[in-house]
Amino acid sequence: MKKASLIALLVFVALNASAGLWYSGFFDSDSVDKLTQTRVLKHTLRQPAVGARLTVGLKLTEGEAVVRLVDPTGTKRYEKTFRPGKASIEETFRGENGQWQVIVDFRGATGRYSVKLVGM
């Protein structure tokens, strides 16, 4: 399923590039079962991006997930701990181009998550 999503995204980007449109971002989604692990998702934003939009969706039945957004300067721009239940956030951050990181620390977590970071 992830490969199909990645291929669809690449086709979308290629079609938009030929039409003069611009898009930069990534999407990750998965299920977790009693997972204690840190996932680091990285994406490099380039011109004409002036920042990033972070979208997170979580539906946990146990454990917790700590979500952090770190900009290219190493500054933590967002951090929140999510516990069992359903939650979603969408926030926009102005910042420099370069490598942005979304870090998700799962601690005994069971449920589903989705993370999207898009240049704006």
PDB file of N, CA and C in Angstrom:
ATOM      1  N   MET A   1       0.819  -1.194   0.000  1.00  0.00           N
ATOM      2  CA  MET A   1       0.000   0.000   0.000  1.00  0.00           C
ATOM      3  C   MET A   1       0.864   1.260   0.000  1.00  0.00           C
ATOM      4  N   LYS A   2       1.961   1.237   0.793  1.00  0.00           N
ATOM      5  CA  LYS A   2       2.840   2.410   0.842  1.00  0.00           C
ATOM      6  C   LYS A   2       3.481   2.656  -0.517  1.00  0.00           C
ATOM      7  N   LYS A   3       3.887   1.576  -1.216  1.00  0.00           N
ATOM      8  CA  LYS A   3       4.517   1.737  -2.528  1.00  0.00           C
ATOM      9  C   LYS A   3       3.545   2.353  -3.513  1.00  0.00           C
ATOM     10  N   ALA A   4       2.279   1.931  -3.460  1.00  0.00           N
ATOM     11  CA  ALA A   4       1.276   2.497  -4.358  1.00  0.00           C
ATOM     12  C   ALA A   4       1.082   3.981  -4.074  1.00  0.00           C
ATOM     13  N   SER A   5       1.066   4.363  -2.802  1.00  0.00           N
ATOM     14  CA  SER A   5       0.921   5.771  -2.436  1.00  0.00           C
ATOM     15  C   SER A   5       2.109   6.582  -2.922  1.00  0.00           C
ATOM     16  N   LEU A   6       3.313   6.032  -2.764  1.00  0.00           N
ATOM     17  CA  LEU A   6       4.521   6.726  -3.199  1.00  0.00           C
ATOM     18  C   LEU A   6       4.527   6.899  -4.714  1.00  0.00           C
ATOM     19  N   ILE A   7       4.145   5.864  -5.444  1.00  0.00           N
ATOM     20  CA  ILE A   7       4.101   5.952  -6.905  1.00  0.00           C
ATOM     21  C   ILE A   7       3.079   6.995  -7.340  1.00  0.00           C
ATOM     22  N   ALA A   8       1.916   6.999  -6.702  1.00  0.00           N
ATOM     23  CA  ALA A   8       0.887   7.993  -7.036  1.00  0.00           C
ATOM     24  C   ALA A   8       1.397   9.403  -6.780  1.00  0.00           C
ATOM     25  N   LEU A   9       2.118   9.596  -5.679  1.00  0.00           N
ATOM     26  CA  LEU A   9       2.670  10.908  -5.360  1.00  0.00           C
ATOM     27  C   LEU A   9       3.702  11.326  -6.401  1.00  0.00           C
ATOM     28  N   LEU A  10       4.568  10.412  -6.823  1.00  0.00           N
ATOM     29  CA  LEU A  10       5.586  10.731  -7.821  1.00  0.00           C
ATOM     30  C   LEU A  10       4.951  11.099  -9.161  1.00  0.00           C
ATOM     31  N   VAL A  11       3.906  10.370  -9.556  1.00  0.00           N
ATOM     32  CA  VAL A  11       3.205  10.694 -10.793  1.00  0.00           C
ATOM     33  C   VAL A  11       2.567  12.068 -10.679  1.00  0.00           C
ATOM     34  N   PHE A  12       1.934  12.346  -9.541  1.00  0.00           N
ATOM     35  CA  PHE A  12       1.309  13.650  -9.303  1.00  0.00           C
ATOM     36  C   PHE A  12       2.342  14.770  -9.415  1.00  0.00           C
ATOM     37  N   VAL A  13       3.497  14.584  -8.788  1.00  0.00           N
ATOM     38  CA  VAL A  13       4.560  15.595  -8.821  1.00  0.00           C
ATOM     39  C   VAL A  13       5.066  15.787 -10.240  1.00  0.00           C
ATOM     40  N   ALA A  14       5.270  14.696 -10.971  1.00  0.00           N
ATOM     41  CA  ALA A  14       5.769  14.781 -12.346  1.00  0.00           C
ATOM     42  C   ALA A  14       4.769  15.517 -13.248  1.00  0.00           C
ATOM     43  N   LEU A  15       3.492  15.204 -13.123  1.00  0.00           N
ATOM     44  CA  LEU A  15       2.478  15.881 -13.923  1.00  0.00           C
ATOM     45  C   LEU A  15       2.405  17.364 -13.589  1.00  0.00           C
ATOM     46  N   ASN A  16       2.482  17.690 -12.310  1.00  0.00           N
ATOM     47  CA  ASN A  16       2.423  19.088 -11.908  1.00  0.00           C
ATOM     48  C   ASN A  16       3.669  19.849 -12.329  1.00  0.00           C
ATOM     49  N   ALA A  17       4.826  19.201 -12.311  1.00  0.00           N
ATOM     50  CA  ALA A  17       6.061  19.861 -12.727  1.00  0.00           C
ATOM     51  C   ALA A  17       5.978  20.257 -14.196  1.00  0.00           C
ATOM     52  N   SER A  18       5.407  19.372 -15.029  1.00  0.00           N
ATOM     53  CA  SER A  18       5.298  19.685 -16.450  1.00  0.00           C
ATOM     54  C   SER A  18       4.268  20.783 -16.706  1.00  0.00           C
ATOM     55  N   ALA A  19       3.306  20.929 -15.795  1.00  0.00           N
ATOM     56  CA  ALA A  19       2.276  21.956 -15.949  1.00  0.00           C
ATOM     57  C   ALA A  19       2.677  23.270 -15.280  1.00  0.00           C
ATOM     58  N   GLY A  20       3.846  23.325 -14.655  1.00  0.00           N
ATOM     59  CA  GLY A  20       4.309  24.541 -14.014  1.00  0.00           C
ATOM     60  C   GLY A  20       3.830  24.705 -12.585  1.00  0.00           C
ATOM     61  N   LEU A  21       3.183  23.703 -12.019  1.00  0.00           N
ATOM     62  CA  LEU A  21       2.749  23.758 -10.626  1.00  0.00           C
ATOM     63  C   LEU A  21       3.866  23.238  -9.737  1.00  0.00           C
ATOM     64  N   TRP A  22       3.791  23.561  -8.443  1.00  0.00           N
ATOM     65  CA  TRP A  22       4.840  23.175  -7.512  1.00  0.00           C
ATOM     66  C   TRP A  22       4.233  22.446  -6.333  1.00  0.00           C
ATOM     67  N   TYR A  23       4.883  21.352  -5.899  1.00  0.00           N
ATOM     68  CA  TYR A  23       4.444  20.608  -4.715  1.00  0.00           C
ATOM     69  C   TYR A  23       5.664  19.960  -4.078  1.00  0.00           C
ATOM     70  N   SER A  24       5.755  20.046  -2.762  1.00  0.00           N
ATOM     71  CA  SER A  24       6.828  19.384  -2.040  1.00  0.00           C
ATOM     72  C   SER A  24       6.258  18.893  -0.725  1.00  0.00           C
ATOM     73  N   GLY A  25       6.367  17.592  -0.474  1.00  0.00           N
ATOM     74  CA  GLY A  25       5.839  17.073   0.774  1.00  0.00           C
ATOM     75  C   GLY A  25       5.982  15.573   0.871  1.00  0.00           C
ATOM     76  N   PHE A  26       5.560  15.030   2.014  1.00  0.00           N
ATOM     77  CA  PHE A  26       5.536  13.584   2.192  1.00  0.00           C
ATOM     78  C   PHE A  26       4.340  13.204   3.041  1.00  0.00           C
ATOM     79  N   PHE A  27       3.975  11.929   2.966  1.00  0.00           N
ATOM     80  CA  PHE A  27       2.861  11.390   3.730  1.00  0.00           C
ATOM     81  C   PHE A  27       3.265  10.006   4.212  1.00  0.00           C
ATOM     82  N   ASP A  28       2.985   9.718   5.482  1.00  0.00           N
ATOM     83  CA  ASP A  28       3.249   8.392   6.039  1.00  0.00           C
ATOM     84  C   ASP A  28       2.046   8.000   6.890  1.00  0.00           C
ATOM     85  N   SER A  29       1.625   6.750   6.756  1.00  0.00           N
ATOM     86  CA  SER A  29       0.475   6.256   7.501  1.00  0.00           C
ATOM     87  C   SER A  29       0.683   4.770   7.762  1.00  0.00           C
ATOM     88  N   ASP A  30       0.310   4.320   8.969  1.00  0.00           N
ATOM     89  CA  ASP A  30       0.507   2.913   9.302  1.00  0.00           C
ATOM     90  C   ASP A  30      -0.266   2.565  10.572  1.00  0.00           C
ATOM     91  N   SER A  31      -0.347   1.279  10.836  1.00  0.00           N
ATOM     92  CA  SER A  31      -0.887   0.779  12.100  1.00  0.00           C
ATOM     93  C   SER A  31       0.278   0.404  13.000  1.00  0.00           C
ATOM     94  N   VAL A  32       0.082   0.506  14.306  1.00  0.00           N
ATOM     95  CA  VAL A  32       1.096   0.089  15.272  1.00  0.00           C
ATOM     96  C   VAL A  32       0.428  -0.800  16.313  1.00  0.00           C
ATOM     97  N   ASP A  33       1.199  -1.749  16.843  1.00  0.00           N
ATOM     98  CA  ASP A  33       0.677  -2.682  17.837  1.00  0.00           C
ATOM     99  C   ASP A  33       1.681  -2.810  18.972  1.00  0.00           C
ATOM    100  N   LYS A  34       1.383  -2.156  20.098  1.00  0.00           N
ATOM    101  CA  LYS A  34       2.249  -2.153  21.278  1.00  0.00           C
ATOM    102  C   LYS A  34       3.677  -1.752  20.910  1.00  0.00           C
ATOM    103  N   LEU A  35       3.779  -0.747  20.072  1.00  0.00           N
ATOM    104  CA  LEU A  35       5.069  -0.309  19.545  1.00  0.00           C
ATOM    105  C   LEU A  35       5.746   0.679  20.481  1.00  0.00           C
ATOM    106  N   THR A  36       7.016   0.408  20.770  1.00  0.00           N
ATOM    107  CA  THR A  36       7.878   1.353  21.471  1.00  0.00           C
ATOM    108  C   THR A  36       9.068   1.565  20.548  1.00  0.00           C
ATOM    109  N   GLN A  37       9.020   2.682  19.825  1.00  0.00           N
ATOM    110  CA  GLN A  37      10.029   2.956  18.806  1.00  0.00           C
ATOM    111  C   GLN A  37       9.935   4.421  18.418  1.00  0.00           C
ATOM    112  N   THR A  38      11.045   4.973  17.930  1.00  0.00           N
ATOM    113  CA  THR A  38      11.051   6.333  17.416  1.00  0.00           C
ATOM    114  C   THR A  38      11.151   6.277  15.903  1.00  0.00           C
ATOM    115  N   ARG A  39      10.248   6.970  15.243  1.00  0.00           N
ATOM    116  CA  ARG A  39      10.296   7.080  13.777  1.00  0.00           C
ATOM    117  C   ARG A  39      10.656   8.517  13.436  1.00  0.00           C
ATOM    118  N   VAL A  40      11.670   8.654  12.593  1.00  0.00           N
ATOM    119  CA  VAL A  40      12.116   9.972  12.151  1.00  0.00           C
ATOM    120  C   VAL A  40      11.834  10.082  10.667  1.00  0.00           C
ATOM    121  N   LEU A  41      10.963  11.009  10.315  1.00  0.00           N
ATOM    122  CA  LEU A  41      10.571  11.230   8.926  1.00  0.00           C
ATOM    123  C   LEU A  41      11.180  12.554   8.490  1.00  0.00           C
ATOM    124  N   LYS A  42      11.910  12.536   7.377  1.00  0.00           N
ATOM    125  CA  LYS A  42      12.635  13.724   6.930  1.00  0.00           C
ATOM    126  C   LYS A  42      12.167  14.148   5.546  1.00  0.00           C
ATOM    127  N   HIS A  43      12.149  15.464   5.345  1.00  0.00           N
ATOM    128  CA  HIS A  43      11.823  15.999   4.030  1.00  0.00           C
ATOM    129  C   HIS A  43      12.549  17.322   3.845  1.00  0.00           C
ATOM    130  N   THR A  44      13.165  17.496   2.682  1.00  0.00           N
ATOM    131  CA  THR A  44      13.898  18.718   2.376  1.00  0.00           C
ATOM    132  C   THR A  44      13.019  19.655   1.558  1.00  0.00           C
ATOM    133  N   LEU A  45      12.792  20.847   2.089  1.00  0.00           N
ATOM    134  CA  LEU A  45      12.033  21.876   1.388  1.00  0.00           C
ATOM    135  C   LEU A  45      12.998  22.817   0.689  1.00  0.00           C
ATOM    136  N   ARG A  46      12.663  23.162  -0.544  1.00  0.00           N
ATOM    137  CA  ARG A  46      13.471  24.073  -1.348  1.00  0.00           C
ATOM    138  C   ARG A  46      12.588  25.211  -1.845  1.00  0.00           C
ATOM    139  N   GLN A  47      13.197  26.204  -2.473  1.00  0.00           N
ATOM    140  CA  GLN A  47      12.443  27.312  -3.063  1.00  0.00           C
ATOM    141  C   GLN A  47      11.368  26.737  -3.959  1.00  0.00           C
ATOM    142  N   PRO A  48      10.201  27.242  -4.005  1.00  0.00           N
ATOM    143  CA  PRO A  48       9.736  28.494  -3.436  1.00  0.00           C
ATOM    144  C   PRO A  48       9.095  28.361  -2.050  1.00  0.00           C
ATOM    145  N   ALA A  49       9.324  27.271  -1.351  1.00  0.00           N
ATOM    146  CA  ALA A  49       8.723  27.082  -0.024  1.00  0.00           C
ATOM    147  C   ALA A  49       9.181  28.164   0.945  1.00  0.00           C
ATOM    148  N   VAL A  50       8.251  28.598   1.801  1.00  0.00           N
ATOM    149  CA  VAL A  50       8.563  29.587   2.834  1.00  0.00           C
ATOM    150  C   VAL A  50       8.220  29.034   4.219  1.00  0.00           C
ATOM    151  N   GLY A  51       7.948  27.752   4.266  1.00  0.00           N
ATOM    152  CA  GLY A  51       7.590  27.109   5.527  1.00  0.00           C
ATOM    153  C   GLY A  51       6.929  25.769   5.255  1.00  0.00           C
ATOM    154  N   ALA A  52       6.294  25.232   6.286  1.00  0.00           N
ATOM    155  CA  ALA A  52       5.710  23.898   6.173  1.00  0.00           C
ATOM    156  C   ALA A  52       4.363  23.830   6.884  1.00  0.00           C
ATOM    157  N   ARG A  53       3.506  22.960   6.376  1.00  0.00           N
ATOM    158  CA  ARG A  53       2.218  22.673   7.023  1.00  0.00           C
ATOM    159  C   ARG A  53       2.276  21.231   7.509  1.00  0.00           C
ATOM    160  N   LEU A  54       2.084  21.046   8.817  1.00  0.00           N
ATOM    161  CA  LEU A  54       2.111  19.733   9.454  1.00  0.00           C
ATOM    162  C   LEU A  54       0.682  19.287   9.738  1.00  0.00           C
ATOM    163  N   THR A  55       0.354  18.066   9.302  1.00  0.00           N
ATOM    164  CA  THR A  55      -0.938  17.472   9.588  1.00  0.00           C
ATOM    165  C   THR A  55      -0.694  16.104  10.219  1.00  0.00           C
ATOM    166  N   VAL A  56      -1.297  15.871  11.385  1.00  0.00           N
ATOM    167  CA  VAL A  56      -1.129  14.607  12.101  1.00  0.00           C
ATOM    168  C   VAL A  56      -2.509  14.100  12.487  1.00  0.00           C
ATOM    169  N   GLY A  57      -2.737  12.803  12.262  1.00  0.00           N
ATOM    170  CA  GLY A  57      -3.956  12.142  12.704  1.00  0.00           C
ATOM    171  C   GLY A  57      -3.580  10.912  13.504  1.00  0.00           C
ATOM    172  N   LEU A  58      -4.171  10.753  14.669  1.00  0.00           N
ATOM    173  CA  LEU A  58      -3.878   9.602  15.527  1.00  0.00           C
ATOM    174  C   LEU A  58      -5.171   9.021  16.069  1.00  0.00           C
ATOM    175  N   LYS A  59      -5.195   7.709  16.155  1.00  0.00           N
ATOM    176  CA  LYS A  59      -6.292   7.011  16.830  1.00  0.00           C
ATOM    177  C   LYS A  59      -5.642   5.890  17.627  1.00  0.00           C
ATOM    178  N   LEU A  60      -5.358   6.173  18.897  1.00  0.00           N
ATOM    179  CA  LEU A  60      -4.666   5.218  19.756  1.00  0.00           C
ATOM    180  C   LEU A  60      -5.654   4.553  20.711  1.00  0.00           C
ATOM    181  N   THR A  61      -5.444   3.242  20.922  1.00  0.00           N
ATOM    182  CA  THR A  61      -6.259   2.520  21.902  1.00  0.00           C
ATOM    183  C   THR A  61      -5.469   2.273  23.179  1.00  0.00           C
ATOM    184  N   GLU A  62      -4.137   2.374  23.094  1.00  0.00           N
ATOM    185  CA  GLU A  62      -3.299   2.279  24.294  1.00  0.00           C
ATOM    186  C   GLU A  62      -1.952   2.917  24.019  1.00  0.00           C
ATOM    187  N   GLY A  63      -1.228   3.204  25.105  1.00  0.00           N
ATOM    188  CA  GLY A  63       0.090   3.819  24.986  1.00  0.00           C
ATOM    189  C   GLY A  63       0.000   5.297  24.674  1.00  0.00           C
ATOM    190  N   GLU A  64       1.109   5.821  24.144  1.00  0.00           N
ATOM    191  CA  GLU A  64       1.134   7.230  23.764  1.00  0.00           C
ATOM    192  C   GLU A  64       2.093   7.451  22.622  1.00  0.00           C
ATOM    193  N   ALA A  65       1.963   8.621  21.992  1.00  0.00           N
ATOM    194  CA  ALA A  65       2.845   9.030  20.904  1.00  0.00           C
ATOM    195  C   ALA A  65       3.201  10.492  21.128  1.00  0.00           C
ATOM    196  N   VAL A  66       4.493  10.781  21.082  1.00  0.00           N
ATOM    197  CA  VAL A  66       4.968  12.155  21.191  1.00  0.00           C
ATOM    198  C   VAL A  66       5.393  12.581  19.785  1.00  0.00           C
ATOM    199  N   VAL A  67       4.780  13.658  19.292  1.00  0.00           N
ATOM    200  CA  VAL A  67       5.065  14.156  17.947  1.00  0.00           C
ATOM    201  C   VAL A  67       5.842  15.452  18.071  1.00  0.00           C
ATOM    202  N   ARG A  68       6.968  15.532  17.329  1.00  0.00           N
ATOM    203  CA  ARG A  68       7.806  16.734  17.308  1.00  0.00           C
ATOM    204  C   ARG A  68       8.063  17.137  15.864  1.00  0.00           C
ATOM    205  N   LEU A  69       8.136  18.440  15.630  1.00  0.00           N
ATOM    206  CA  LEU A  69       8.549  18.981  14.345  1.00  0.00           C
ATOM    207  C   LEU A  69       9.802  19.808  14.583  1.00  0.00           C
ATOM    208  N   VAL A  70      10.855  19.505  13.839  1.00  0.00           N
ATOM    209  CA  VAL A  70      12.141  20.210  13.970  1.00  0.00           C
ATOM    210  C   VAL A  70      12.467  20.836  12.617  1.00  0.00           C
ATOM    211  N   ASP A  71      12.778  22.136  12.622  1.00  0.00           N
ATOM    212  CA  ASP A  71      13.091  22.833  11.373  1.00  0.00           C
ATOM    213  C   ASP A  71      14.566  22.653  10.998  1.00  0.00           C
ATOM    214  N   PRO A  72      14.982  23.162   9.832  1.00  0.00           N
ATOM    215  CA  PRO A  72      16.362  22.969   9.371  1.00  0.00           C
ATOM    216  C   PRO A  72      17.432  23.549  10.282  1.00  0.00           C
ATOM    217  N   THR A  73      17.080  24.511  11.134  1.00  0.00           N
ATOM    218  CA  THR A  73      18.067  25.097  12.049  1.00  0.00           C
ATOM    219  C   THR A  73      18.223  24.261  13.326  1.00  0.00           C
ATOM    220  N   GLY A  74      17.398  23.196  13.458  1.00  0.00           N
ATOM    221  CA  GLY A  74      17.444  22.366  14.658  1.00  0.00           C
ATOM    222  C   GLY A  74      16.498  22.833  15.751  1.00  0.00           C
ATOM    223  N   THR A  75      15.690  23.850  15.447  1.00  0.00           N
ATOM    224  CA  THR A  75      14.742  24.382  16.410  1.00  0.00           C
ATOM    225  C   THR A  75      13.483  23.526  16.453  1.00  0.00           C
ATOM    226  N   LYS A  76      13.076  23.146  17.673  1.00  0.00           N
ATOM    227  CA  LYS A  76      11.837  22.383  17.842  1.00  0.00           C
ATOM    228  C   LYS A  76      10.675  23.358  17.661  1.00  0.00           C
ATOM    229  N   ARG A  77       9.857  23.124  16.649  1.00  0.00           N
ATOM    230  CA  ARG A  77       8.755  24.025  16.331  1.00  0.00           C
ATOM    231  C   ARG A  77       7.415  23.543  16.877  1.00  0.00           C
ATOM    232  N   TYR A  78       7.344  22.243  17.189  1.00  0.00           N
ATOM    233  CA  TYR A  78       6.090  21.685  17.703  1.00  0.00           C
ATOM    234  C   TYR A  78       6.425  20.454  18.528  1.00  0.00           C
ATOM    235  N   GLU A  79       5.707  20.270  19.635  1.00  0.00           N
ATOM    236  CA  GLU A  79       5.826  19.044  20.424  1.00  0.00           C
ATOM    237  C   GLU A  79       4.541  18.843  21.214  1.00  0.00           C
ATOM    238  N   LYS A  80       3.985  17.648  21.097  1.00  0.00           N
ATOM    239  CA  LYS A  80       2.769  17.334  21.844  1.00  0.00           C
ATOM    240  C   LYS A  80       2.712  15.834  22.092  1.00  0.00           C
ATOM    241  N   THR A  81       2.235  15.458  23.289  1.00  0.00           N
ATOM    242  CA  THR A  81       2.047  14.057  23.655  1.00  0.00           C
ATOM    243  C   THR A  81       0.577  13.698  23.460  1.00  0.00           C
ATOM    244  N   PHE A  82       0.342  12.619  22.724  1.00  0.00           N
ATOM    245  CA  PHE A  82      -1.004  12.129  22.472  1.00  0.00           C
ATOM    246  C   PHE A  82      -1.204  10.823  23.219  1.00  0.00           C
ATOM    247  N   ARG A  83      -2.334  10.707  23.892  1.00  0.00           N
ATOM    248  CA  ARG A  83      -2.679   9.503  24.649  1.00  0.00           C
ATOM    249  C   ARG A  83      -3.887   8.838  23.988  1.00  0.00           C
ATOM    250  N   PRO A  84      -4.354   7.682  24.516  1.00  0.00           N
ATOM    251  CA  PRO A  84      -5.463   6.979  23.860  1.00  0.00           C
ATOM    252  C   PRO A  84      -6.649   7.897  23.543  1.00  0.00           C
ATOM    253  N   GLY A  85      -7.183   7.659  22.360  1.00  0.00           N
ATOM    254  CA  GLY A  85      -8.287   8.463  21.852  1.00  0.00           C
ATOM    255  C   GLY A  85      -7.984   8.877  20.426  1.00  0.00           C
ATOM    256  N   LYS A  86      -8.831   9.720  19.892  1.00  0.00           N
ATOM    257  CA  LYS A  86      -8.677  10.192  18.523  1.00  0.00           C
ATOM    258  C   LYS A  86      -8.256  11.656  18.560  1.00  0.00           C
ATOM    259  N   ALA A  87      -7.254  12.000  17.763  1.00  0.00           N
ATOM    260  CA  ALA A  87      -6.768  13.388  17.735  1.00  0.00           C
ATOM    261  C   ALA A  87      -6.268  13.734  16.340  1.00  0.00           C
ATOM    262  N   SER A  88      -6.374  14.994  15.998  1.00  0.00           N
ATOM    263  CA  SER A  88      -5.799  15.466  14.744  1.00  0.00           C
ATOM    264  C   SER A  88      -5.369  16.922  14.927  1.00  0.00           C
ATOM    265  N   ILE A  89      -4.296  17.268  14.240  1.00  0.00           N
ATOM    266  CA  ILE A  89      -3.806  18.643  14.267  1.00  0.00           C
ATOM    267  C   ILE A  89      -3.422  19.040  12.849  1.00  0.00           C
ATOM    268  N   GLU A  90      -3.505  20.312  12.578  1.00  0.00           N
ATOM    269  CA  GLU A  90      -2.992  20.880  11.338  1.00  0.00           C
ATOM    270  C   GLU A  90      -2.478  22.261  11.686  1.00  0.00           C
ATOM    271  N   GLU A  91      -1.168  22.446  11.541  1.00  0.00           N
ATOM    272  CA  GLU A  91      -0.552  23.724  11.886  1.00  0.00           C
ATOM    273  C   GLU A  91       0.441  24.119  10.809  1.00  0.00           C
ATOM    274  N   THR A  92       0.604  25.420  10.640  1.00  0.00           N
ATOM    275  CA  THR A  92       1.504  25.970   9.639  1.00  0.00           C
ATOM    276  C   THR A  92       2.661  26.681  10.338  1.00  0.00           C
ATOM    277  N   PHE A  93       3.859  26.488   9.798  1.00  0.00           N
ATOM    278  CA  PHE A  93       5.071  27.065  10.385  1.00  0.00           C
ATOM    279  C   PHE A  93       5.882  27.742   9.287  1.00  0.00           C
ATOM    280  N   ARG A  94       6.180  29.009   9.471  1.00  0.00           N
ATOM    281  CA  ARG A  94       7.090  29.696   8.550  1.00  0.00           C
ATOM    282  C   ARG A  94       8.502  29.311   8.945  1.00  0.00           C
ATOM    283  N   GLY A  95       9.363  29.177   7.958  1.00  0.00           N
ATOM    284  CA  GLY A  95      10.730  28.812   8.275  1.00  0.00           C
ATOM    285  C   GLY A  95      11.591  28.689   7.042  1.00  0.00           C
ATOM    286  N   GLU A  96      12.838  28.360   7.293  1.00  0.00           N
ATOM    287  CA  GLU A  96      13.838  28.278   6.237  1.00  0.00           C
ATOM    288  C   GLU A  96      13.698  27.001   5.424  1.00  0.00           C
ATOM    289  N   ASN A  97      14.257  27.057   4.218  1.00  0.00           N
ATOM    290  CA  ASN A  97      14.344  25.855   3.404  1.00  0.00           C
ATOM    291  C   ASN A  97      15.458  24.973   3.949  1.00  0.00           C
ATOM    292  N   GLY A  98      15.352  23.703   3.671  1.00  0.00           N
ATOM    293  CA  GLY A  98      16.301  22.726   4.159  1.00  0.00           C
ATOM    294  C   GLY A  98      15.550  21.513   4.674  1.00  0.00           C
ATOM    295  N   GLN A  99      16.233  20.689   5.445  1.00  0.00           N
ATOM    296  CA  GLN A  99      15.643  19.439   5.915  1.00  0.00           C
ATOM    297  C   GLN A  99      14.810  19.636   7.183  1.00  0.00           C
ATOM    298  N   TRP A 100      13.526  19.354   7.084  1.00  0.00           N
ATOM    299  CA  TRP A 100      12.601  19.363   8.207  1.00  0.00           C
ATOM    300  C   TRP A 100      12.433  17.918   8.673  1.00  0.00           C
ATOM    301  N   GLN A 101      12.191  17.737   9.967  1.00  0.00           N
ATOM    302  CA  GLN A 101      12.009  16.390  10.519  1.00  0.00           C
ATOM    303  C   GLN A 101      10.730  16.326  11.347  1.00  0.00           C
ATOM    304  N   VAL A 102       9.983  15.261  11.137  1.00  0.00           N
ATOM    305  CA  VAL A 102       8.864  14.939  12.014  1.00  0.00           C
ATOM    306  C   VAL A 102       9.306  13.698  12.777  1.00  0.00           C
ATOM    307  N   ILE A 103       9.362  13.798  14.096  1.00  0.00           N
ATOM    308  CA  ILE A 103       9.814  12.707  14.954  1.00  0.00           C
ATOM    309  C   ILE A 103       8.619  12.229  15.760  1.00  0.00           C
ATOM    310  N   VAL A 104       8.341  10.923  15.682  1.00  0.00           N
ATOM    311  CA  VAL A 104       7.225  10.357  16.427  1.00  0.00           C
ATOM    312  C   VAL A 104       7.789   9.286  17.359  1.00  0.00           C
ATOM    313  N   ASP A 105       7.687   9.529  18.663  1.00  0.00           N
ATOM    314  CA  ASP A 105       8.116   8.559  19.677  1.00  0.00           C
ATOM    315  C   ASP A 105       6.887   7.782  20.129  1.00  0.00           C
ATOM    316  N   PHE A 106       6.840   6.504  19.754  1.00  0.00           N
ATOM    317  CA  PHE A 106       5.752   5.642  20.208  1.00  0.00           C
ATOM    318  C   PHE A 106       6.185   4.957  21.495  1.00  0.00           C
ATOM    319  N   ARG A 107       5.309   4.931  22.475  1.00  0.00           N
ATOM    320  CA  ARG A 107       5.601   4.300  23.772  1.00  0.00           C
ATOM    321  C   ARG A 107       4.466   3.337  24.100  1.00  0.00           C
ATOM    322  N   GLY A 108       4.660   2.059  23.740  1.00  0.00           N
ATOM    323  CA  GLY A 108       3.635   1.052  23.974  1.00  0.00           C
ATOM    324  C   GLY A 108       2.345   1.358  23.239  1.00  0.00           C
ATOM    325  N   ALA A 109       2.458   1.950  22.075  1.00  0.00           N
ATOM    326  CA  ALA A 109       1.290   2.445  21.345  1.00  0.00           C
ATOM    327  C   ALA A 109       0.644   1.383  20.468  1.00  0.00           C
ATOM    328  N   THR A 110      -0.687   1.369  20.493  1.00  0.00           N
ATOM    329  CA  THR A 110      -1.488   0.540  19.606  1.00  0.00           C
ATOM    330  C   THR A 110      -2.521   1.447  18.956  1.00  0.00           C
ATOM    331  N   GLY A 111      -2.641   1.335  17.629  1.00  0.00           N
ATOM    332  CA  GLY A 111      -3.613   2.141  16.906  1.00  0.00           C
ATOM    333  C   GLY A 111      -3.138   2.466  15.513  1.00  0.00           C
ATOM    334  N   ARG A 112      -3.589   3.613  14.991  1.00  0.00           N
ATOM    335  CA  ARG A 112      -3.212   4.075  13.650  1.00  0.00           C
ATOM    336  C   ARG A 112      -2.706   5.509  13.740  1.00  0.00           C
ATOM    337  N   TYR A 113      -1.844   5.852  12.768  1.00  0.00           N
ATOM    338  CA  TYR A 113      -1.362   7.222  12.688  1.00  0.00           C
ATOM    339  C   TYR A 113      -1.199   7.625  11.229  1.00  0.00           C
ATOM    340  N   SER A 114      -1.226   8.920  10.986  1.00  0.00           N
ATOM    341  CA  SER A 114      -0.869   9.472   9.686  1.00  0.00           C
ATOM    342  C   SER A 114      -0.153  10.794   9.935  1.00  0.00           C
ATOM    343  N   VAL A 115       0.866  11.037   9.122  1.00  0.00           N
ATOM    344  CA  VAL A 115       1.668  12.258   9.236  1.00  0.00           C
ATOM    345  C   VAL A 115       1.867  12.798   7.822  1.00  0.00           C
ATOM    346  N   LYS A 116       1.631  14.101   7.658  1.00  0.00           N
ATOM    347  CA  LYS A 116       1.871  14.746   6.358  1.00  0.00           C
ATOM    348  C   LYS A 116       2.594  16.056   6.613  1.00  0.00           C
ATOM    349  N   LEU A 117       3.632  16.307   5.833  1.00  0.00           N
ATOM    350  CA  LEU A 117       4.368  17.566   5.888  1.00  0.00           C
ATOM    351  C   LEU A 117       4.441  18.099   4.468  1.00  0.00           C
ATOM    352  N   VAL A 118       3.948  19.307   4.259  1.00  0.00           N
ATOM    353  CA  VAL A 118       3.883  19.885   2.913  1.00  0.00           C
ATOM    354  C   VAL A 118       4.509  21.261   2.936  1.00  0.00           C
ATOM    355  N   GLY A 119       5.349  21.531   1.931  1.00  0.00           N
ATOM    356  CA  GLY A 119       5.909  22.871   1.783  1.00  0.00           C
ATOM    357  C   GLY A 119       4.818  23.837   1.361  1.00  0.00           C
ATOM    358  N   MET A 120       4.930  25.061   1.839  1.00  0.00           N
ATOM    359  CA  MET A 120       3.925  26.061   1.473  1.00  0.00           C
ATOM    360  C   MET A 120       4.583  27.305   0.939  1.00  0.00           C
TER     361      MET A 120
END
